[in-house]
């Protein structure tokens, strides 16, 4: 598991393909080399009712939350956070250049004692 959850204002959808953003971040997470392919999940939730900063209707936000099973040291998590955040900035560069946007990210550990899981995706991944 790592879970990447995107929480964003609805006006972002007119400016970028959120589905492609999800895929871009999935690939970035995998490219870190420390987040397992079979566990990476990216999902996005649109907030249709928001009030941001000065209330201007063109203000945008995107918050990226990364939850992963505990056990990686802080330097590993910092490096992964940096890579994923930079991937988001890269994808959103045209939006960042032309619109007011608040982009944020947080990575946090999941306590394995309190988070049972079942994942058979590994059993079904294509073998090359």
Protein backbone atom coordinates (compact mmCIF):
# COMPACT_ATOMS: atom_id res chain seq x y z
CA UNK A 1 0.00 0.00 0.00
CA UNK A 2 0.64 3.45 -0.60
CA UNK A 3 -2.56 5.36 -1.14
CA UNK A 4 -2.41 8.71 -2.91
CA UNK A 5 -5.59 10.71 -2.47
CA UNK A 6 -6.18 13.92 -4.38
CA UNK A 7 -8.69 16.35 -2.92
CA UNK A 8 -9.26 19.26 -5.28
CA UNK A 9 -11.57 22.14 -6.12
CA UNK A 10 -13.96 21.51 -9.01
CA UNK A 11 -12.56 24.36 -11.10
CA UNK A 12 -9.34 22.37 -11.60
CA UNK A 13 -11.19 20.02 -13.96
CA UNK A 14 -11.60 22.75 -16.60
CA UNK A 15 -7.84 23.31 -16.61
CA UNK A 16 -6.35 19.83 -16.61
CA UNK A 17 -7.26 16.18 -17.08
CA UNK A 18 -7.49 14.91 -13.51
CA UNK A 19 -7.49 11.30 -14.68
CA UNK A 20 -4.15 11.88 -16.43
CA UNK A 21 -2.87 13.65 -13.32
CA UNK A 22 -3.73 10.52 -11.31
CA UNK A 23 -1.80 8.36 -13.75
CA UNK A 24 1.14 10.79 -13.77
CA UNK A 25 1.34 10.64 -9.98
CA UNK A 26 0.97 6.84 -10.00
CA UNK A 27 3.99 6.58 -12.27
CA UNK A 28 5.92 9.07 -10.13
CA UNK A 29 5.14 7.05 -6.98
CA UNK A 30 6.36 3.86 -8.64
CA UNK A 31 9.50 5.62 -9.92
CA UNK A 32 10.56 6.39 -6.34
CA UNK A 33 11.66 2.77 -6.10
CA UNK A 34 10.35 2.54 -2.54
CA UNK A 35 6.60 2.39 -3.10
CA UNK A 36 5.55 -1.06 -4.32
CA UNK A 37 3.91 -1.27 -7.74
CA UNK A 38 1.16 -3.64 -6.63
CA UNK A 39 0.20 -1.41 -3.74
CA UNK A 40 0.06 2.00 -5.41
CA UNK A 41 -3.47 3.42 -5.57
CA UNK A 42 -4.30 6.91 -6.72
CA UNK A 43 -7.78 8.34 -6.42
CA UNK A 44 -9.20 11.83 -6.74
CA UNK A 45 -12.16 13.50 -5.06
CA UNK A 46 -13.64 16.74 -6.32
CA UNK A 47 -14.93 19.29 -3.84
CA UNK A 48 -17.85 21.01 -5.50
CA UNK A 49 -18.38 23.51 -2.69
CA UNK A 50 -15.30 25.46 -1.61
CA UNK A 51 -14.28 28.86 -0.35
CA UNK A 52 -10.58 29.59 -0.80
CA UNK A 53 -8.47 32.51 0.47
CA UNK A 54 -10.16 35.77 -0.61
CA UNK A 55 -13.15 33.89 -2.01
CA UNK A 56 -12.27 34.53 -5.66
CA UNK A 57 -13.99 31.96 -7.84
CA UNK A 58 -10.84 31.28 -9.86
CA UNK A 59 -8.82 30.20 -6.80
CA UNK A 60 -7.89 26.52 -7.06
CA UNK A 61 -6.62 24.00 -4.57
CA UNK A 62 -5.16 20.52 -4.82
CA UNK A 63 -4.16 18.62 -1.73
CA UNK A 64 -2.27 15.35 -2.16
CA UNK A 65 -2.33 12.94 0.74
CA UNK A 66 0.00 9.95 0.72
CA UNK A 67 -0.57 7.21 3.27
CA UNK A 68 1.85 4.31 3.44
CA UNK A 69 2.60 1.42 5.73
CA UNK A 70 5.09 2.39 8.43
CA UNK A 71 8.68 1.21 8.24
CA UNK A 72 10.50 3.54 5.86
CA UNK A 73 13.07 5.90 7.34
CA UNK A 74 12.58 9.66 7.21
CA UNK A 75 15.13 10.25 4.44
CA UNK A 76 13.41 7.70 2.21
CA UNK A 77 10.03 9.33 2.86
CA UNK A 78 11.44 12.81 2.23
CA UNK A 79 12.89 11.72 -1.11
CA UNK A 80 9.62 10.09 -2.16
CA UNK A 81 7.64 13.15 -1.07
CA UNK A 82 9.93 15.43 -3.06
CA UNK A 83 9.67 13.32 -6.21
CA UNK A 84 5.87 13.05 -6.08
CA UNK A 85 5.40 16.76 -5.30
CA UNK A 86 7.73 17.72 -8.16
CA UNK A 87 5.74 15.44 -10.49
CA UNK A 88 2.56 17.26 -9.49
CA UNK A 89 4.21 20.64 -10.11
CA UNK A 90 5.47 19.45 -13.50
CA UNK A 91 2.04 18.23 -14.60
CA UNK A 92 0.31 21.35 -13.31
CA UNK A 93 2.89 23.83 -14.65
CA UNK A 94 0.47 25.40 -17.18
CA UNK A 95 -2.16 25.87 -14.46
CA UNK A 96 0.39 27.20 -11.95
CA UNK A 97 1.61 29.73 -14.52
CA UNK A 98 -1.82 31.16 -15.23
CA UNK A 99 -4.11 30.61 -12.22
CA UNK A 100 -4.07 31.11 -8.44
CA UNK A 101 -3.52 27.66 -6.96
CA UNK A 102 -2.78 26.24 -3.54
CA UNK A 103 -0.90 22.96 -4.00
CA UNK A 104 -0.07 20.92 -0.93
CA UNK A 105 1.01 17.41 -0.02
CA UNK A 106 1.38 15.36 3.12
CA UNK A 107 2.88 11.90 3.57
CA UNK A 108 2.04 9.94 6.68
CA UNK A 109 2.51 6.43 7.99
CA UNK A 110 -0.21 3.87 8.54
CA UNK A 111 0.18 1.82 11.72
CA UNK A 112 0.39 -1.80 10.46
CA UNK A 113 -1.07 -3.11 13.73
CA UNK A 114 -4.25 -1.17 13.07
CA UNK A 115 -4.56 -1.61 9.32
CA UNK A 116 -5.28 -5.15 8.14
CA UNK A 117 -5.09 -5.62 4.39
CA UNK A 118 -5.66 -8.11 1.60
CA UNK A 119 -4.13 -7.52 -1.83
CA UNK A 120 -4.18 -10.14 -4.56
CA UNK A 121 -3.07 -7.72 -7.26
CA UNK A 122 0.47 -9.12 -7.10
CA UNK A 123 -0.95 -12.54 -7.98
CA UNK A 124 -2.48 -11.10 -11.15
CA UNK A 125 0.24 -8.75 -12.37
CA UNK A 126 1.51 -9.58 -15.82
CA UNK A 127 4.83 -11.34 -15.73
CA UNK A 128 7.35 -10.06 -18.28
